[in-house]
Every structure is written in C-alpha cells, then in structure tokens.
C-alpha atoms as a PDB file:
ATOM      1  CA  MET A   1      11.967 -41.385  17.694  1.00  0.00           C
ATOM      2  CA  LYS A   2      14.084 -38.736  17.443  1.00  0.00           C
ATOM      3  CA  HIS A   3      16.576 -38.137  14.620  1.00  0.00           C
ATOM      4  CA  PRO A   4      19.721 -35.965  14.416  1.00  0.00           C
ATOM      5  CA  SER A   5      20.896 -36.601  11.887  1.00  0.00           C
ATOM      6  CA  PHE A   6      19.447 -34.869   9.053  1.00  0.00           C
ATOM      7  CA  VAL A   7      19.115 -36.280   5.160  1.00  0.00           C
ATOM      8  CA  ALA A   8      19.549 -33.280   3.544  1.00  0.00           C
ATOM      9  CA  SER A   9      20.796 -30.040   4.240  1.00  0.00           C
ATOM     10  CA  LEU A  10      20.017 -27.371   1.628  1.00  0.00           C
ATOM     11  CA  VAL A  11      20.660 -23.219   1.641  1.00  0.00           C
ATOM     12  CA  CYS A  12      17.135 -21.549   0.654  1.00  0.00           C
ATOM     13  CA  GLY A  13      18.033 -17.907   0.420  1.00  0.00           C
ATOM     14  CA  LEU A  14      18.560 -16.883   4.532  1.00  0.00           C
ATOM     15  CA  PHE A  15      17.050 -20.465   5.527  1.00  0.00           C
ATOM     16  CA  ILE A  16      18.205 -23.720   5.671  1.00  0.00           C
ATOM     17  CA  VAL A  17      15.735 -26.852   4.679  1.00  0.00           C
ATOM     18  CA  MET A  18      16.461 -29.729   6.551  1.00  0.00           C
ATOM     19  CA  ALA A  19      14.819 -33.331   5.908  1.00  0.00           C
ATOM     20  CA  TYR A  20      14.436 -36.256   8.143  1.00  0.00           C
ATOM     21  CA  PRO A  21      12.126 -39.257   8.330  1.00  0.00           C
ATOM     22  CA  VAL A  22       8.924 -39.921   9.840  1.00  0.00           C
ATOM     23  CA  ASN A  23       8.823 -43.633   8.857  1.00  0.00           C
ATOM     24  CA  ALA A  24       9.970 -45.799   6.093  1.00  0.00           C
ATOM     25  CA  GLN A  25       7.507 -44.046   3.038  1.00  0.00           C
ATOM     26  CA  GLU A  26       7.459 -40.451   4.235  1.00  0.00           C
ATOM     27  CA  TYR A  27       9.696 -37.747   4.938  1.00  0.00           C
ATOM     28  CA  ARG A  28       8.861 -34.753   6.141  1.00  0.00           C
ATOM     29  CA  ASP A  29      11.058 -31.207   6.245  1.00  0.00           C
ATOM     30  CA  ALA A  30      11.781 -28.863   8.239  1.00  0.00           C
ATOM     31  CA  CYS A  31      13.178 -25.333   8.058  1.00  0.00           C
ATOM     32  CA  PHE A  32      15.647 -23.852  10.710  1.00  0.00           C
ATOM     33  CA  ASN A  33      17.985 -20.467  11.009  1.00  0.00           C
ATOM     34  CA  GLY A  34      20.778 -23.505  12.234  1.00  0.00           C
ATOM     35  CA  PRO A  35      21.153 -26.741  13.196  1.00  0.00           C
ATOM     36  CA  GLY A  36      18.870 -28.882  15.127  1.00  0.00           C
ATOM     37  CA  THR A  37      17.031 -32.060  16.477  1.00  0.00           C
ATOM     38  CA  LEU A  38      13.146 -33.068  15.705  1.00  0.00           C
ATOM     39  CA  VAL A  39      11.170 -35.186  17.204  1.00  0.00           C
ATOM     40  CA  THR A  40       8.755 -37.331  14.690  1.00  0.00           C
ATOM     41  CA  GLY A  41       5.608 -35.827  14.536  1.00  0.00           C
ATOM     42  CA  ASP A  42       6.662 -32.483  15.997  1.00  0.00           C
ATOM     43  CA  PRO A  43       5.469 -29.312  14.002  1.00  0.00           C
ATOM     44  CA  PHE A  44       8.291 -26.731  12.949  1.00  0.00           C
ATOM     45  CA  THR A  45       8.512 -23.033  12.840  1.00  0.00           C
ATOM     46  CA  VAL A  46      10.140 -20.099  11.309  1.00  0.00           C
ATOM     47  CA  ASN A  47      10.391 -16.661  13.240  1.00  0.00           C
ATOM     48  CA  GLY A  48       7.387 -18.342  14.949  1.00  0.00           C
ATOM     49  CA  ASN A  49       5.509 -19.670  12.141  1.00  0.00           C
ATOM     50  CA  LEU A  50       4.328 -22.905  11.101  1.00  0.00           C
ATOM     51  CA  TYR A  51       5.425 -24.213   7.897  1.00  0.00           C
ATOM     52  CA  TYR A  52       5.181 -27.233   5.386  1.00  0.00           C
ATOM     53  CA  ALA A  53       8.116 -28.066   2.498  1.00  0.00           C
ATOM     54  CA  VAL A  54       8.404 -29.363  -0.250  1.00  0.00           C
ATOM     55  CA  VAL A  55      11.410 -30.547  -1.851  1.00  0.00           C
ATOM     56  CA  GLY A  56      12.379 -31.410  -5.509  1.00  0.00           C
ATOM     57  CA  THR A  57      14.728 -33.727  -7.017  1.00  0.00           C
ATOM     58  CA  ASP A  58      17.644 -32.142  -9.895  1.00  0.00           C
ATOM     59  CA  GLY A  59      14.896 -33.317 -12.598  1.00  0.00           C
ATOM     60  CA  ILE A  60      12.362 -31.558 -13.840  1.00  0.00           C
ATOM     61  CA  ASP A  61       9.912 -31.084 -10.869  1.00  0.00           C
ATOM     62  CA  HIS A  62       6.522 -29.914 -10.955  1.00  0.00           C
ATOM     63  CA  LEU A  63       5.601 -29.032  -7.327  1.00  0.00           C
ATOM     64  CA  ILE A  64       2.463 -27.318  -5.689  1.00  0.00           C
ATOM     65  CA  GLY A  65       2.152 -26.304  -1.777  1.00  0.00           C
ATOM     66  CA  ALA A  66       0.699 -28.618   0.535  1.00  0.00           C
ATOM     67  CA  ASP A  67      -2.438 -26.156   1.746  1.00  0.00           C
ATOM     68  CA  ASP A  68      -2.641 -27.837   5.212  1.00  0.00           C
ATOM     69  CA  PRO A  69      -4.724 -26.144   7.481  1.00  0.00           C
ATOM     70  CA  ALA A  70      -2.449 -27.315  10.112  1.00  0.00           C
ATOM     71  CA  PHE A  71       0.533 -25.188   9.055  1.00  0.00           C
ATOM     72  CA  GLU A  72      -1.697 -22.602   8.355  1.00  0.00           C
ATOM     73  CA  GLN A  73      -1.408 -23.606   4.921  1.00  0.00           C
ATOM     74  CA  ARG A  74       2.573 -22.293   4.569  1.00  0.00           C
ATOM     75  CA  ASP A  75       4.561 -24.129   2.542  1.00  0.00           C
ATOM     76  CA  ILE A  76       8.313 -23.762   1.667  1.00  0.00           C
ATOM     77  CA  ILE A  77       9.297 -25.179  -1.945  1.00  0.00           C
ATOM     78  CA  TRP A  78      12.462 -25.813  -3.100  1.00  0.00           C
ATOM     79  CA  GLY A  79      12.746 -26.678  -6.902  1.00  0.00           C
ATOM     80  CA  LEU A  80      16.755 -28.120  -6.742  1.00  0.00           C
ATOM     81  CA  GLU A  81      18.300 -27.985 -10.639  1.00  0.00           C
ATOM     82  CA  GLY A  82      16.158 -28.746 -13.997  1.00  0.00           C
ATOM     83  CA  ASP A  83      14.085 -26.514 -15.597  1.00  0.00           C
ATOM     84  CA  ASP A  84      10.472 -26.543 -12.559  1.00  0.00           C
ATOM     85  CA  THR A  85       7.147 -25.507 -12.218  1.00  0.00           C
ATOM     86  CA  LEU A  86       6.091 -24.615  -8.112  1.00  0.00           C
ATOM     87  CA  TRP A  87       3.079 -23.672  -7.160  1.00  0.00           C
ATOM     88  CA  GLY A  88       2.248 -22.052  -3.323  1.00  0.00           C
ATOM     89  CA  GLY A  89      -1.032 -22.168  -3.671  1.00  0.00           C
ATOM     90  CA  ASP A  90      -3.037 -20.800  -0.296  1.00  0.00           C
ATOM     91  CA  GLY A  91      -0.794 -19.088   2.250  1.00  0.00           C
ATOM     92  CA  ASP A  92       2.156 -17.138   2.751  1.00  0.00           C
ATOM     93  CA  ASP A  93       4.937 -19.650   0.735  1.00  0.00           C
ATOM     94  CA  ILE A  94       8.698 -19.448   0.354  1.00  0.00           C
ATOM     95  CA  ILE A  95       9.176 -20.766  -3.055  1.00  0.00           C
ATOM     96  CA  CYS A  96      13.126 -21.194  -4.554  1.00  0.00           C
ATOM     97  CA  GLY A  97      13.636 -22.257  -7.755  1.00  0.00           C
ATOM     98  CA  GLY A  98      17.196 -23.458  -7.339  1.00  0.00           C
ATOM     99  CA  GLU A  99      19.535 -23.982 -10.784  1.00  0.00           C
ATOM    100  CA  GLY A 100      17.680 -23.963 -14.134  1.00  0.00           C
ATOM    101  CA  ALA A 101      14.906 -22.124 -16.177  1.00  0.00           C
ATOM    102  CA  ASP A 102      12.171 -22.133 -13.611  1.00  0.00           C
ATOM    103  CA  THR A 103       8.618 -21.294 -13.172  1.00  0.00           C
ATOM    104  CA  LEU A 104       7.807 -20.179  -9.701  1.00  0.00           C
ATOM    105  CA  ASN A 105       3.833 -19.098  -8.653  1.00  0.00           C
ATOM    106  CA  GLY A 106       3.368 -17.332  -5.214  1.00  0.00           C
ATOM    107  CA  GLY A 107      -0.605 -17.925  -5.543  1.00  0.00           C
ATOM    108  CA  ASP A 108      -2.785 -16.147  -2.709  1.00  0.00           C
ATOM    109  CA  ASP A 109      -1.269 -14.055   0.182  1.00  0.00           C
ATOM    110  CA  ASP A 110       1.947 -13.137   0.903  1.00  0.00           C
ATOM    111  CA  ASP A 111       4.759 -14.795  -0.754  1.00  0.00           C
ATOM    112  CA  THR A 112       8.852 -15.233  -1.490  1.00  0.00           C
ATOM    113  CA  LEU A 113       9.775 -16.239  -4.431  1.00  0.00           C
ATOM    114  CA  LEU A 114      13.149 -16.570  -5.114  1.00  0.00           C
ATOM    115  CA  GLY A 115      14.060 -17.352  -8.629  1.00  0.00           C
ATOM    116  CA  GLU A 116      18.191 -18.000  -8.051  1.00  0.00           C
ATOM    117  CA  PHE A 117      20.114 -19.098 -11.191  1.00  0.00           C
ATOM    118  CA  GLY A 118      18.777 -19.352 -14.820  1.00  0.00           C
ATOM    119  CA  GLY A 119      16.541 -17.828 -16.553  1.00  0.00           C
ATOM    120  CA  ASP A 120      13.180 -17.675 -14.313  1.00  0.00           C
ATOM    121  CA  VAL A 121       9.381 -16.785 -14.650  1.00  0.00           C
ATOM    122  CA  LEU A 122       8.365 -15.463 -11.158  1.00  0.00           C
ATOM    123  CA  ASN A 123       4.505 -14.667 -10.950  1.00  0.00           C
ATOM    124  CA  GLY A 124       3.288 -13.250  -7.328  1.00  0.00           C
ATOM    125  CA  ASP A 125      -0.229 -13.460  -8.064  1.00  0.00           C
ATOM    126  CA  ALA A 126      -2.308 -12.137  -5.541  1.00  0.00           C
ATOM    127  CA  GLY A 127      -1.089 -10.781  -2.083  1.00  0.00           C
ATOM    128  CA  SER A 128       2.007  -8.333  -1.198  1.00  0.00           C
ATOM    129  CA  ASP A 129       4.862 -10.328  -2.392  1.00  0.00           C
ATOM    130  CA  ARG A 130       8.423 -10.232  -2.275  1.00  0.00           C
ATOM    131  CA  ILE A 131      10.198 -11.238  -5.513  1.00  0.00           C
ATOM    132  CA  GLU A 132      13.727 -11.714  -6.581  1.00  0.00           C
ATOM    133  CA  GLY A 133      14.869 -12.830  -9.889  1.00  0.00           C
ATOM    134  CA  GLY A 134      18.670 -13.766  -9.093  1.00  0.00           C
ATOM    135  CA  GLY A 135      21.160 -14.729 -12.009  1.00  0.00           C
ATOM    136  CA  GLY A 136      20.187 -14.833 -15.497  1.00  0.00           C
ATOM    137  CA  ASP A 137      17.458 -13.280 -17.740  1.00  0.00           C
ATOM    138  CA  ASP A 138      14.113 -13.381 -15.473  1.00  0.00           C
ATOM    139  CA  GLU A 139      10.599 -12.136 -15.870  1.00  0.00           C
ATOM    140  CA  LEU A 140       9.029 -11.177 -12.703  1.00  0.00           C
ATOM    141  CA  ASN A 141       4.979 -10.180 -12.173  1.00  0.00           C
ATOM    142  CA  GLY A 142       4.074  -8.664  -9.107  1.00  0.00           C
ATOM    143  CA  GLY A 143       0.404  -9.553  -9.363  1.00  0.00           C
ATOM    144  CA  ASP A 144      -2.212  -8.031  -7.037  1.00  0.00           C
ATOM    145  CA  GLY A 145      -1.286  -6.207  -4.209  1.00  0.00           C
ATOM    146  CA  ASP A 146       1.605  -4.381  -2.741  1.00  0.00           C
ATOM    147  CA  ASP A 147       4.716  -5.866  -4.011  1.00  0.00           C
ATOM    148  CA  LEU A 148       8.618  -4.976  -3.357  1.00  0.00           C
ATOM    149  CA  ASP A 149       9.341  -6.943  -6.771  1.00  0.00           C
ATOM    150  CA  SER A 150      13.261  -6.694  -6.362  1.00  0.00           C
ATOM    151  CA  ILE A 151      15.577  -8.792  -8.377  1.00  0.00           C
ATOM    152  CA  THR A 152      19.320  -9.108  -8.381  1.00  0.00           C
ATOM    153  CA  ILE A 153      21.277 -10.626 -11.313  1.00  0.00           C
ATOM    154  CA  SER A 154      24.790 -10.899 -12.800  1.00  0.00           C
ATOM    155  CA  SER A 155      26.276  -8.345 -14.427  1.00  0.00           C
ATOM    156  CA  GLY A 156      25.220  -8.176 -18.273  1.00  0.00           C
ATOM    157  CA  ALA A 157      22.183 -10.522 -17.928  1.00  0.00           C
ATOM    158  CA  ARG A 158      18.249  -8.338 -18.181  1.00  0.00           C
ATOM    159  CA  ALA A 159      14.858  -8.384 -16.255  1.00  0.00           C
ATOM    160  CA  GLY A 160      11.574  -7.667 -17.542  1.00  0.00           C
ATOM    161  CA  LEU A 161       9.593  -6.781 -14.577  1.00  0.00           C
ATOM    162  CA  PHE A 162       5.383  -5.987 -14.461  1.00  0.00           C
ATOM    163  CA  GLY A 163       3.924  -4.278 -11.190  1.00  0.00           C
ATOM    164  CA  SER A 164       0.528  -4.871 -12.330  1.00  0.00           C
ATOM    165  CA  GLY A 165      -2.227  -4.135  -9.284  1.00  0.00           C
ATOM    166  CA  GLY A 166      -1.141  -2.252  -6.382  1.00  0.00           C
ATOM    167  CA  ASN A 167       1.682  -0.044  -4.855  1.00  0.00           C
ATOM    168  CA  ASP A 168       4.683  -1.720  -6.476  1.00  0.00           C
ATOM    169  CA  VAL A 169       8.812  -1.411  -5.605  1.00  0.00           C
ATOM    170  CA  LEU A 170      10.615  -2.732  -8.972  1.00  0.00           C
ATOM    171  CA  ASN A 171      14.406  -2.739  -8.859  1.00  0.00           C
ATOM    172  CA  GLY A 172      16.094  -3.635 -12.049  1.00  0.00           C
ATOM    173  CA  GLY A 173      20.198  -4.620 -11.774  1.00  0.00           C
ATOM    174  CA  ASP A 174      23.208  -4.572 -13.881  1.00  0.00           C
ATOM    175  CA  GLY A 175      21.799  -5.328 -17.134  1.00  0.00           C
ATOM    176  CA  ASP A 176      19.469  -3.502 -20.026  1.00  0.00           C
ATOM    177  CA  ASP A 177      16.221  -4.184 -18.070  1.00  0.00           C
ATOM    178  CA  TRP A 178      12.695  -2.893 -18.580  1.00  0.00           C
ATOM    179  CA  ALA A 179       9.689  -2.608 -16.345  1.00  0.00           C
ATOM    180  CA  VAL A 180       5.754  -1.289 -16.123  1.00  0.00           C
ATOM    181  CA  GLY A 181       4.401  -0.168 -13.114  1.00  0.00           C
ATOM    182  CA  GLN A 182       0.742  -1.088 -14.365  1.00  0.00           C
ATOM    183  CA  SER A 183      -1.668   0.172 -11.696  1.00  0.00           C
ATOM    184  CA  ASP A 184      -1.524   2.671  -9.080  1.00  0.00           C
ATOM    185  CA  ASP A 185       1.578   4.544  -7.391  1.00  0.00           C
ATOM    186  CA  ASP A 186       4.806   2.790  -8.445  1.00  0.00           C
ATOM    187  CA  MET A 187       8.896   3.563  -7.813  1.00  0.00           C
ATOM    188  CA  ILE A 188      10.912   2.268 -10.154  1.00  0.00           C
ATOM    189  CA  SER A 189      14.686   1.891 -10.263  1.00  0.00           C
ATOM    190  CA  GLY A 190      16.508   0.950 -13.009  1.00  0.00           C
ATOM    191  CA  GLY A 191      20.185   0.767 -12.121  1.00  0.00           C
ATOM    192  CA  LYS A 192      22.941   0.044 -14.287  1.00  0.00           C
ATOM    193  CA  GLY A 193      22.456  -0.624 -18.235  1.00  0.00           C
ATOM    194  CA  LYS A 194      20.265   0.915 -20.703  1.00  0.00           C
ATOM    195  CA  ASP A 195      16.787   0.641 -19.314  1.00  0.00           C
ATOM    196  CA  ARG A 196      13.369   1.153 -20.665  1.00  0.00           C
ATOM    197  CA  LEU A 197      11.117   1.874 -17.373  1.00  0.00           C
ATOM    198  CA  GLY A 198       7.316   2.901 -17.742  1.00  0.00           C
ATOM    199  CA  GLY A 199       5.152   3.708 -14.709  1.00  0.00           C
ATOM    200  CA  GLY A 200       1.587   3.426 -16.165  1.00  0.00           C
ATOM    201  CA  PRO A 201      -1.344   4.682 -14.469  1.00  0.00           C
ATOM    202  CA  GLY A 202      -0.804   6.308 -11.258  1.00  0.00           C
ATOM    203  CA  PHE A 203       1.358   8.707  -9.281  1.00  0.00           C
ATOM    204  CA  ASP A 204       4.542   6.664 -10.127  1.00  0.00           C
ATOM    205  CA  MET A 205       8.346   7.848  -9.519  1.00  0.00           C
ATOM    206  CA  ILE A 206      11.424   6.887 -11.487  1.00  0.00           C
ATOM    207  CA  ASN A 207      15.428   6.643 -11.036  1.00  0.00           C
ATOM    208  CA  GLY A 208      17.120   5.437 -14.074  1.00  0.00           C
ATOM    209  CA  GLY A 209      20.216   4.843 -12.851  1.00  0.00           C
ATOM    210  CA  GLN A 210      23.347   4.831 -14.683  1.00  0.00           C
ATOM    211  CA  SER A 211      23.882   4.565 -18.227  1.00  0.00           C
ATOM    212  CA  LYS A 212      21.088   6.155 -20.858  1.00  0.00           C
ATOM    213  CA  ASP A 213      17.597   5.315 -19.594  1.00  0.00           C
ATOM    214  CA  GLY A 214      14.203   5.831 -21.260  1.00  0.00           C
ATOM    215  CA  CYS A 215      11.201   6.925 -18.537  1.00  0.00           C
ATOM    216  CA  GLU A 216       7.844   7.753 -18.668  1.00  0.00           C
ATOM    217  CA  ALA A 217       6.494   9.033 -15.082  1.00  0.00           C
ATOM    218  CA  GLU A 218       5.064  11.678 -13.293  1.00  0.00           C
ATOM    219  CA  VAL A 219       8.901  12.093 -11.030  1.00  0.00           C
ATOM    220  CA  GLU A 220      11.850  11.387 -13.443  1.00  0.00           C
ATOM    221  CA  VAL A 221      14.907  11.209 -12.055  1.00  0.00           C
ATOM    222  CA  LYS A 222      18.317  10.313 -14.163  1.00  0.00           C
ATOM    223  CA  CYS A 223      16.219   9.481 -17.221  1.00  0.00           C
ATOM    224  CA  GLU A 224      17.786  10.786 -20.421  1.00  0.00           C
ATOM    225  CA  ALA A 225      15.468   9.928 -23.069  1.00  0.00           C
ATOM    226  CA  PRO A 226      12.038   9.198 -23.498  1.00  0.00           C
ATOM    227  CA  LEU A 227      10.278   6.051 -23.415  1.00  0.00           C
ATOM    228  CA  PHE A 228       9.705   5.511 -26.897  1.00  0.00           C
END
C-alpha cells in the first residue's frame, strides 16, 4: 500500500524527515533530500545508507536509537521542542535537538550532532563526529576519535568546547568562547569575542581571531594574552 501523503515534514539540517503510517498502531519515518512516495515495509536510504528515524514531540522527550541491525544501527533522531535527552547508540547517527535545552549523546561510531536552538550539551562520545551547537550557549564534548567540532551560534552567545581524545578541529563563534583541545594534535579557532583557548597535550595550533584572546599552544596566531 502506497502513502503519497506524509503526516509530518520536518527540516533537520540539510535533511527533510517525513513520517508515514505503517499500520494503525505504528509510524515509520524516513529521511529524504526531497519529496517522494514510500511503500510500506520498504527500507529508506540517505546518501546510499539505510536509516531508522525516531521523532519526538513538542514536550520533554527521552529518545534512544533503534540499534536495528537491518538498518546497520544508523538512526536519525529529532527532538523537536522541549528539553530533550537523545541517545544515538551504535552506528553512524544523525541527532537533531530542535528547540529547547537539549542533551545529545552520539554513542559509538561516526555521528552528526546538531544542537540547533537553545543552550545544549552535545557529547560526541566514541568515533569521528561532527558537532554543531547552533543558537544559544552550548557545551560541546568531542569524546574519543578525530572530531570536527564546529559551532554556529547567535551574536553574543558563548560556547564551551572540549575536544577530548583524538585530533580535533574546534571552531568558536561570535561570543566569548572557551575551548580545550585535550590530548593529541588539535586546531582551534576562536572567531569573534574575547576567547580563552587551550590546546592541551600534543602539537596544537590556535587562531584567536578577532578581539583580545588568551591562548596556550605550540603555534599561536592572533593571540594577544596568555591563557590565564
């Protein structure tokens, strides 16, 4: 049975998440780059990969990825509004916080975490993760692995970034940010604002950016003050 009309269409970063009924008691979700028609029971793909999607409500949600071997344990999790707690589990997951002060946990493997609006806490955990805070005062923790931890925040907001293990890339925003690369070789950029940036162990490169920044690293660019 085909379902040409979708019951939900939600923008999640560059993706569009659409839900359609499988039966009277169950909803299965799919993620597309554009419109389409689904057949009940058919798997869906994003860039050639199978995914299973979990969509929350406008309240406070606690959502956990399916870890279904049929989807190679890949999940797309969308919190919507409310202060949500989201777990990706195993597999390469895409986790979107939506509005509210959310906590996103990537779990194992290579995850994409998008905090979006509100003051969020994003934990990449194991794997090579991409982490973006979005609007609000956010805390980003890369976890183990080589991470790309970038943040896009509104003017005046602040970010706290922790690279943890692995070779990390940490990018601040317009506010007064502080970032710590932790172990291994890291690249840190402060952006605008009066930032406090520390590389930690390893061979690190820091670009303070605009304003008067405090830095501590093997290579320092545009760093006008010591870290402490």
